[in-house]
Amino acid sequence: MNEYRHHIQTRGHYQIVALTRDSEYEQDDVYAYAIMSSAGVKLHQEVTLSEAQIWLDDRILKDLLDSSDVSPDMMSPSRRAERSGLRSGRKRS
C-alpha cells in the first residue's frame, strides 16, 4: 500500500499533511492527517484535521516552554529574572 502526503498547513517547523492512498488529492480519500517535522519525520497521526491541529498546538507550546526560561506557572518568577541580579522595583543605573 502506498501512502501519499498532501500538504495542508505549515506552522513553524512543522507541517500537517493529509494522507491518502492515491497520488491525486481528493478530500473524500483522506484517511488520516499527519504532523511532520521539518526533516520529514512523521511525528504523530490523527484521524481528523482538528485533532491534528490540537496536537500540533500542544507540541508547539511544549517546544516554546522547553526552549525558553518561561515558567509554566506564569505567576511565578522566571529563571531569567532571578539570575539578573536586579531586585524588583529598582532600575540599573
N, C-alpha and C. Protein backbone atom coordinates (compact mmCIF):
# COMPACT_ATOMS: atom_id res chain seq x y z
N MET A 1 0.83 -1.17 0.00
CA MET A 1 0.00 0.00 0.00
C MET A 1 0.89 1.25 0.00
N ASN A 2 0.60 2.16 -0.92
CA ASN A 2 1.32 3.43 -0.98
C ASN A 2 0.62 4.46 -0.11
N GLU A 3 1.43 5.33 0.46
CA GLU A 3 0.89 6.43 1.26
C GLU A 3 1.36 7.73 0.63
N TYR A 4 0.43 8.57 0.30
CA TYR A 4 0.75 9.86 -0.31
C TYR A 4 0.44 10.97 0.67
N ARG A 5 1.32 11.96 0.71
CA ARG A 5 1.18 13.09 1.63
C ARG A 5 0.84 14.34 0.84
N HIS A 6 -0.18 15.04 1.29
CA HIS A 6 -0.64 16.26 0.64
C HIS A 6 -0.63 17.38 1.67
N HIS A 7 0.19 18.39 1.39
CA HIS A 7 0.37 19.50 2.33
C HIS A 7 -0.95 20.20 2.60
N ILE A 8 -1.23 20.43 3.89
CA ILE A 8 -2.43 21.15 4.32
C ILE A 8 -2.06 22.47 4.98
N GLN A 9 -1.07 22.42 5.89
CA GLN A 9 -0.77 23.61 6.68
C GLN A 9 0.67 23.54 7.18
N THR A 10 1.33 24.69 7.25
CA THR A 10 2.67 24.80 7.85
C THR A 10 2.56 25.71 9.05
N ARG A 11 3.15 25.26 10.17
CA ARG A 11 3.19 26.07 11.39
C ARG A 11 4.58 25.91 11.99
N GLY A 12 5.35 26.98 11.95
CA GLY A 12 6.71 26.92 12.48
C GLY A 12 7.53 25.91 11.71
N HIS A 13 8.11 24.97 12.43
CA HIS A 13 8.94 23.93 11.81
C HIS A 13 8.15 22.68 11.49
N TYR A 14 6.85 22.75 11.53
CA TYR A 14 6.01 21.57 11.35
C TYR A 14 5.03 21.75 10.19
N GLN A 15 4.62 20.63 9.63
CA GLN A 15 3.59 20.62 8.59
C GLN A 15 2.52 19.61 8.97
N ILE A 16 1.29 19.95 8.63
CA ILE A 16 0.21 18.98 8.70
C ILE A 16 -0.06 18.55 7.27
N VAL A 17 -0.07 17.24 7.04
CA VAL A 17 -0.33 16.69 5.72
C VAL A 17 -1.52 15.75 5.79
N ALA A 18 -2.28 15.71 4.70
CA ALA A 18 -3.37 14.74 4.57
C ALA A 18 -2.78 13.47 3.96
N LEU A 19 -3.17 12.33 4.49
CA LEU A 19 -2.67 11.06 3.98
C LEU A 19 -3.76 10.39 3.14
N THR A 20 -3.35 9.98 1.93
CA THR A 20 -4.26 9.26 1.04
C THR A 20 -3.51 8.07 0.45
N ARG A 21 -4.25 7.19 -0.20
CA ARG A 21 -3.65 6.06 -0.89
C ARG A 21 -3.50 6.33 -2.39
N ASP A 22 -3.89 7.52 -2.82
CA ASP A 22 -3.83 7.90 -4.22
C ASP A 22 -2.97 9.15 -4.35
N SER A 23 -2.25 9.25 -5.45
CA SER A 23 -1.36 10.40 -5.65
C SER A 23 -2.15 11.69 -5.91
N GLU A 24 -3.39 11.58 -6.37
CA GLU A 24 -4.25 12.73 -6.57
C GLU A 24 -5.02 13.01 -5.28
N TYR A 25 -5.01 14.29 -4.88
CA TYR A 25 -5.69 14.65 -3.64
C TYR A 25 -7.19 14.79 -3.86
N GLU A 26 -7.96 14.06 -3.09
CA GLU A 26 -9.41 14.19 -3.02
C GLU A 26 -9.77 14.15 -1.53
N GLN A 27 -10.50 15.15 -1.06
CA GLN A 27 -10.85 15.24 0.35
C GLN A 27 -11.49 13.95 0.86
N ASP A 28 -12.32 13.32 0.04
CA ASP A 28 -13.01 12.09 0.45
C ASP A 28 -12.07 10.90 0.61
N ASP A 29 -10.85 10.99 0.04
CA ASP A 29 -9.89 9.89 0.10
C ASP A 29 -8.94 9.98 1.29
N VAL A 30 -9.02 11.05 2.06
CA VAL A 30 -8.12 11.25 3.21
C VAL A 30 -8.49 10.25 4.30
N TYR A 31 -7.50 9.45 4.74
CA TYR A 31 -7.77 8.51 5.84
C TYR A 31 -7.15 8.96 7.15
N ALA A 32 -6.26 9.96 7.11
CA ALA A 32 -5.65 10.47 8.34
C ALA A 32 -4.89 11.75 8.02
N TYR A 33 -4.49 12.45 9.10
CA TYR A 33 -3.65 13.64 8.99
C TYR A 33 -2.41 13.40 9.84
N ALA A 34 -1.27 13.75 9.28
CA ALA A 34 -0.01 13.53 9.99
C ALA A 34 0.68 14.85 10.24
N ILE A 35 1.40 14.90 11.37
CA ILE A 35 2.24 16.05 11.67
C ILE A 35 3.66 15.64 11.35
N MET A 36 4.29 16.43 10.47
CA MET A 36 5.64 16.13 10.01
C MET A 36 6.62 17.17 10.53
N SER A 37 7.83 16.73 10.85
CA SER A 37 8.88 17.67 11.24
C SER A 37 9.46 18.30 9.98
N SER A 38 10.28 19.33 10.16
CA SER A 38 10.93 19.96 9.00
C SER A 38 11.88 19.00 8.30
N ALA A 39 12.31 17.95 8.99
CA ALA A 39 13.19 16.94 8.39
C ALA A 39 12.41 15.85 7.66
N GLY A 40 11.06 15.94 7.71
CA GLY A 40 10.25 14.95 7.02
C GLY A 40 9.88 13.73 7.84
N VAL A 41 10.12 13.78 9.12
CA VAL A 41 9.80 12.67 10.02
C VAL A 41 8.34 12.80 10.47
N LYS A 42 7.59 11.69 10.37
CA LYS A 42 6.20 11.70 10.83
C LYS A 42 6.22 11.60 12.35
N LEU A 43 5.73 12.66 13.01
CA LEU A 43 5.76 12.72 14.47
C LEU A 43 4.50 12.15 15.10
N HIS A 44 3.37 12.33 14.42
CA HIS A 44 2.10 11.93 15.00
C HIS A 44 1.06 11.82 13.91
N GLN A 45 0.03 11.03 14.15
CA GLN A 45 -1.04 10.85 13.18
C GLN A 45 -2.39 10.90 13.88
N GLU A 46 -3.33 11.61 13.30
CA GLU A 46 -4.69 11.73 13.84
C GLU A 46 -5.70 11.45 12.73
N VAL A 47 -6.92 11.12 13.12
CA VAL A 47 -7.97 10.81 12.16
C VAL A 47 -8.58 12.08 11.56
N THR A 48 -8.67 13.16 12.35
CA THR A 48 -9.29 14.39 11.84
C THR A 48 -8.28 15.53 11.83
N LEU A 49 -8.55 16.50 10.97
CA LEU A 49 -7.69 17.68 10.89
C LEU A 49 -7.72 18.46 12.20
N SER A 50 -8.88 18.60 12.81
CA SER A 50 -8.96 19.36 14.07
C SER A 50 -8.15 18.69 15.18
N GLU A 51 -8.16 17.36 15.24
CA GLU A 51 -7.34 16.67 16.25
C GLU A 51 -5.85 16.86 15.96
N ALA A 52 -5.47 16.85 14.69
CA ALA A 52 -4.07 17.09 14.32
C ALA A 52 -3.65 18.50 14.70
N GLN A 53 -4.52 19.48 14.49
CA GLN A 53 -4.21 20.86 14.84
C GLN A 53 -4.06 21.04 16.35
N ILE A 54 -4.91 20.37 17.11
CA ILE A 54 -4.81 20.43 18.58
C ILE A 54 -3.50 19.83 19.04
N TRP A 55 -3.13 18.67 18.49
CA TRP A 55 -1.87 18.03 18.86
C TRP A 55 -0.70 18.94 18.52
N LEU A 56 -0.75 19.57 17.34
CA LEU A 56 0.34 20.45 16.93
C LEU A 56 0.43 21.68 17.83
N ASP A 57 -0.71 22.25 18.21
CA ASP A 57 -0.70 23.39 19.15
C ASP A 57 0.00 23.00 20.45
N ASP A 58 -0.32 21.82 20.97
CA ASP A 58 0.32 21.35 22.21
C ASP A 58 1.81 21.16 22.01
N ARG A 59 2.22 20.63 20.86
CA ARG A 59 3.64 20.40 20.58
C ARG A 59 4.40 21.72 20.49
N ILE A 60 3.81 22.69 19.81
CA ILE A 60 4.47 24.00 19.68
C ILE A 60 4.60 24.67 21.05
N LEU A 61 3.56 24.59 21.87
CA LEU A 61 3.63 25.14 23.23
C LEU A 61 4.71 24.45 24.04
N LYS A 62 4.79 23.13 23.94
CA LYS A 62 5.84 22.38 24.65
C LYS A 62 7.23 22.81 24.17
N ASP A 63 7.40 22.98 22.86
CA ASP A 63 8.68 23.42 22.31
C ASP A 63 9.05 24.80 22.85
N LEU A 64 8.08 25.70 22.93
CA LEU A 64 8.34 27.05 23.45
C LEU A 64 8.76 27.00 24.91
N LEU A 65 8.06 26.20 25.70
CA LEU A 65 8.40 26.10 27.11
C LEU A 65 9.75 25.44 27.32
N ASP A 66 10.08 24.44 26.50
CA ASP A 66 11.36 23.75 26.63
C ASP A 66 12.53 24.63 26.19
N SER A 67 12.31 25.54 25.24
CA SER A 67 13.42 26.32 24.70
C SER A 67 13.59 27.69 25.35
N SER A 68 12.73 28.03 26.31
CA SER A 68 12.84 29.35 26.94
C SER A 68 12.88 29.19 28.44
N ASP A 69 13.06 30.32 29.08
CA ASP A 69 13.06 30.33 30.53
C ASP A 69 11.67 30.67 31.07
N VAL A 70 10.66 30.56 30.26
CA VAL A 70 9.30 30.85 30.70
C VAL A 70 8.84 29.74 31.63
N SER A 71 8.35 30.14 32.76
CA SER A 71 7.83 29.18 33.72
C SER A 71 6.42 28.77 33.31
N PRO A 72 6.06 27.49 33.42
CA PRO A 72 4.69 27.09 33.11
C PRO A 72 3.66 27.82 33.96
N ASP A 73 4.04 28.18 35.18
CA ASP A 73 3.16 28.97 36.03
C ASP A 73 3.54 30.43 35.80
N MET A 74 2.73 31.12 35.02
CA MET A 74 3.07 32.48 34.61
C MET A 74 3.14 33.46 35.78
N MET A 75 2.62 33.10 36.94
CA MET A 75 2.66 33.97 38.10
C MET A 75 3.97 33.84 38.88
N SER A 76 4.71 32.79 38.64
CA SER A 76 5.97 32.63 39.35
C SER A 76 7.08 33.33 38.58
N PRO A 77 8.12 33.79 39.25
CA PRO A 77 9.20 34.49 38.54
C PRO A 77 9.94 33.55 37.60
N SER A 78 10.36 34.10 36.49
CA SER A 78 11.13 33.28 35.54
C SER A 78 12.56 33.17 36.02
N ARG A 79 13.25 32.17 35.53
CA ARG A 79 14.66 31.98 35.91
C ARG A 79 15.51 33.14 35.43
N ARG A 80 15.20 33.71 34.28
CA ARG A 80 15.98 34.82 33.74
C ARG A 80 15.96 36.00 34.71
N ALA A 81 14.83 36.34 35.29
CA ALA A 81 14.74 37.45 36.24
C ALA A 81 15.51 37.13 37.50
N GLU A 82 15.49 35.89 37.95
CA GLU A 82 16.20 35.51 39.16
C GLU A 82 17.71 35.62 38.98
N ARG A 83 18.19 35.35 37.76
CA ARG A 83 19.63 35.38 37.51
C ARG A 83 20.16 36.77 37.22
N SER A 84 19.28 37.74 36.99
CA SER A 84 19.73 39.05 36.55
C SER A 84 20.48 39.81 37.65
N GLY A 85 20.25 39.48 38.90
CA GLY A 85 20.90 40.18 39.99
C GLY A 85 20.19 41.47 40.38
N LEU A 86 19.16 41.84 39.65
CA LEU A 86 18.40 43.04 39.98
C LEU A 86 17.32 42.71 40.99
N ARG A 87 17.09 43.64 41.89
CA ARG A 87 15.99 43.48 42.82
C ARG A 87 14.75 44.10 42.20
N SER A 88 13.60 43.56 42.50
CA SER A 88 12.38 44.10 41.92
C SER A 88 12.18 45.53 42.37
N GLY A 89 11.67 46.37 41.45
CA GLY A 89 11.38 47.76 41.77
C GLY A 89 12.57 48.69 41.65
N ARG A 90 13.72 48.18 41.34
CA ARG A 90 14.91 49.03 41.19
C ARG A 90 15.42 48.94 39.77
N LYS A 91 15.91 50.05 39.27
CA LYS A 91 16.45 50.09 37.92
C LYS A 91 17.98 50.14 37.98
N ARG A 92 18.56 49.56 36.96
CA ARG A 92 20.01 49.60 36.81
C ARG A 92 20.42 51.02 36.44
N SER A 93 21.46 51.54 37.06
CA SER A 93 21.87 52.92 36.74
C SER A 93 23.02 52.95 35.77
